[in-house]
C-alpha atoms as a PDB file:
ATOM      1  CA  MET A   1       0.190  -0.342  -0.292  1.00  0.00           C
ATOM      2  CA  ASN A   2       2.934   2.518   0.386  1.00  0.00           C
ATOM      3  CA  SER A   3       2.648   2.965  -2.983  1.00  0.00           C
ATOM      4  CA  PHE A   4      -0.991   4.374  -2.875  1.00  0.00           C
ATOM      5  CA  HIS A   5      -0.280   7.070   0.312  1.00  0.00           C
ATOM      6  CA  SER A   6       0.462  10.530  -1.656  1.00  0.00           C
ATOM      7  CA  ASP A   7      -3.201   9.315  -4.077  1.00  0.00           C
ATOM      8  CA  ALA A   8      -4.898  12.027  -2.867  1.00  0.00           C
ATOM      9  CA  ASP A   9      -8.071  10.666  -4.877  1.00  0.00           C
ATOM     10  CA  PHE A  10      -6.944   6.944  -2.364  1.00  0.00           C
ATOM     11  CA  ASN A  11     -10.209   4.991  -1.001  1.00  0.00           C
ATOM     12  CA  ALA A  12     -11.925   1.776  -0.335  1.00  0.00           C
ATOM     13  CA  GLY A  13     -12.696   1.041  -3.325  1.00  0.00           C
ATOM     14  CA  LYS A  14      -8.906   1.452  -4.784  1.00  0.00           C
ATOM     15  CA  LEU A  15      -8.108  -0.804  -1.327  1.00  0.00           C
ATOM     16  CA  ALA A  16     -10.519  -3.165  -2.256  1.00  0.00           C
ATOM     17  CA  GLU A  17      -9.313  -3.095  -5.343  1.00  0.00           C
ATOM     18  CA  TYR A  18      -5.678  -2.787  -4.305  1.00  0.00           C
ATOM     19  CA  LEU A  19      -6.224  -6.450  -2.320  1.00  0.00           C
ATOM     20  CA  GLU A  20      -8.449  -7.482  -4.791  1.00  0.00           C
ATOM     21  CA  LEU A  21     -11.548  -7.040  -2.945  1.00  0.00           C
ATOM     22  CA  SER A  22     -14.756  -5.791  -3.852  1.00  0.00           C
ATOM     23  CA  ARG A  23     -15.898  -3.558  -0.924  1.00  0.00           C
ATOM     24  CA  ARG A  24     -18.663  -5.477   0.434  1.00  0.00           C
ATOM     25  CA  GLN A  25     -15.757  -7.576   0.981  1.00  0.00           C
ATOM     26  CA  LEU A  26     -13.625  -5.182   2.115  1.00  0.00           C
ATOM     27  CA  TYR A  27     -15.992  -4.047   4.698  1.00  0.00           C
ATOM     28  CA  ARG A  28     -16.811  -7.416   6.174  1.00  0.00           C
ATOM     29  CA  GLU A  29     -13.016  -8.245   6.524  1.00  0.00           C
ATOM     30  CA  MET A  30     -12.536  -4.997   7.972  1.00  0.00           C
ATOM     31  CA  ASP A  31     -15.437  -5.122  10.596  1.00  0.00           C
ATOM     32  CA  ARG A  32     -14.271  -8.724  11.263  1.00  0.00           C
ATOM     33  CA  ILE A  33     -11.565  -6.272  12.942  1.00  0.00           C
ATOM     34  CA  GLY A  34     -13.056  -3.481  14.092  1.00  0.00           C
ATOM     35  CA  HIS A  35     -12.370  -1.022  11.485  1.00  0.00           C
ATOM     36  CA  THR A  36     -13.961   0.975   8.683  1.00  0.00           C
ATOM     37  CA  PRO A  37     -11.158   2.158   5.004  1.00  0.00           C
ATOM     38  CA  ALA A  38     -11.896   4.981   5.936  1.00  0.00           C
ATOM     39  CA  PRO A  39      -9.885   5.698   9.752  1.00  0.00           C
ATOM     40  CA  TYR A  40      -7.034   2.626   7.785  1.00  0.00           C
ATOM     41  CA  ILE A  41      -6.141   4.608   5.145  1.00  0.00           C
ATOM     42  CA  ARG A  42      -6.405   7.776   7.308  1.00  0.00           C
ATOM     43  CA  GLU A  43      -4.148   5.895  10.257  1.00  0.00           C
ATOM     44  CA  PHE A  44      -1.576   4.828   6.990  1.00  0.00           C
ATOM     45  CA  ARG A  45      -0.986   8.203   5.887  1.00  0.00           C
ATOM     46  CA  MET A  46      -1.259  10.373   9.375  1.00  0.00           C
ATOM     47  CA  GLU A  47       1.873   7.675  10.097  1.00  0.00           C
ATOM     48  CA  LYS A  48       3.589   8.032   6.517  1.00  0.00           C
ATOM     49  CA  ALA A  49       3.843  11.031   7.810  1.00  0.00           C
ATOM     50  CA  LYS A  50       5.500  11.130  10.670  1.00  0.00           C
ATOM     51  CA  GLU A  51       8.415   8.447   8.770  1.00  0.00           C
ATOM     52  CA  TYR A  52       8.625  11.833   6.425  1.00  0.00           C
ATOM     53  CA  ILE A  53       9.399  14.590   9.879  1.00  0.00           C
ATOM     54  CA  ASP A  54      11.246  11.968  11.027  1.00  0.00           C
ATOM     55  CA  SER A  55      13.460  12.391   8.328  1.00  0.00           C
ATOM     56  CA  SER A  56      13.796  15.560   7.430  1.00  0.00           C
ATOM     57  CA  THR A  57      12.261  15.108   4.289  1.00  0.00           C
ATOM     58  CA  VAL A  58       9.672  17.632   4.307  1.00  0.00           C
ATOM     59  CA  ARG A  59       9.616  21.505   5.509  1.00  0.00           C
ATOM     60  CA  ARG A  60       6.041  22.574   4.990  1.00  0.00           C
ATOM     61  CA  VAL A  61       2.720  21.912   5.881  1.00  0.00           C
ATOM     62  CA  LYS A  62       1.834  22.003   2.806  1.00  0.00           C
ATOM     63  CA  GLU A  63       4.408  20.244   1.431  1.00  0.00           C
ATOM     64  CA  LEU A  64       3.943  17.305   4.168  1.00  0.00           C
ATOM     65  CA  ALA A  65       0.158  17.417   3.504  1.00  0.00           C
ATOM     66  CA  TYR A  66       0.634  16.611  -0.428  1.00  0.00           C
ATOM     67  CA  ARG A  67       3.196  14.114  -0.530  1.00  0.00           C
ATOM     68  CA  VAL A  68       0.513  12.099   2.536  1.00  0.00           C
ATOM     69  CA  GLY A  69      -2.502  12.437  -0.371  1.00  0.00           C
ATOM     70  CA  TYR A  70      -4.434  15.930   1.355  1.00  0.00           C
ATOM     71  CA  LYS A  71      -5.758  18.067  -0.908  1.00  0.00           C
ATOM     72  CA  SER A  72      -5.412  21.150   1.702  1.00  0.00           C
ATOM     73  CA  ALA A  73      -2.571  21.972   4.279  1.00  0.00           C
ATOM     74  CA  GLU A  74      -6.022  22.913   6.816  1.00  0.00           C
ATOM     75  CA  THR A  75      -7.200  19.632   6.581  1.00  0.00           C
ATOM     76  CA  PHE A  76      -4.272  17.570   6.921  1.00  0.00           C
ATOM     77  CA  SER A  77      -3.137  19.653  10.410  1.00  0.00           C
ATOM     78  CA  ASP A  78      -6.054  19.427  11.450  1.00  0.00           C
ATOM     79  CA  HIS A  79      -6.497  15.045  11.368  1.00  0.00           C
ATOM     80  CA  PHE A  80      -1.914  14.858  12.419  1.00  0.00           C
ATOM     81  CA  TYR A  81      -3.186  17.352  15.567  1.00  0.00           C
ATOM     82  CA  GLN A  82      -6.115  14.681  16.332  1.00  0.00           C
ATOM     83  CA  HIS A  83      -4.091  11.536  15.571  1.00  0.00           C
ATOM     84  CA  PHE A  84      -0.971  13.262  17.217  1.00  0.00           C
ATOM     85  CA  GLN A  85      -1.782  16.041  19.622  1.00  0.00           C
ATOM     86  CA  ILE A  86       0.994  17.511  18.320  1.00  0.00           C
ATOM     87  CA  ARG A  87       0.962  20.262  14.979  1.00  0.00           C
ATOM     88  CA  PRO A  88       2.606  19.473  12.411  1.00  0.00           C
ATOM     89  CA  SER A  89       4.493  22.504  12.570  1.00  0.00           C
ATOM     90  CA  GLU A  90       5.584  22.280  15.910  1.00  0.00           C
ATOM     91  CA  LEU A  91       6.373  18.922  14.979  1.00  0.00           C
ATOM     92  CA  LEU A  92       8.065  20.191  12.564  1.00  0.00           C
ATOM     93  CA  ARG A  93      10.049  22.780  14.217  1.00  0.00           C
ATOM     94  CA  GLU A  94      11.136  20.458  16.978  1.00  0.00           C
ATOM     95  CA  VAL A  95      13.529  18.202  14.304  1.00  0.00           C
ATOM     96  CA  ALA A  96      14.728  21.007  12.151  1.00  0.00           C
END
């Protein structure tokens, strides 16, 4: 799934296709582990963003958001804060 983290249009349908499942099968499988596709994809993107920050490969929030598949830096920043309880801009300053 690494190759899809920067695709802003990556969704449950594309995840199902990647896993060679129907959308319905994907939802059933995800339900068994207590997840739905959207939060799973978001969590994957957040972890990938943290990797980019830790490796110092990005310097700006907007670039980071784009690299992990967000069209809006503001939405990305809000999701990042919900996931890590720190703004990505603060974390970028800490590692700089």
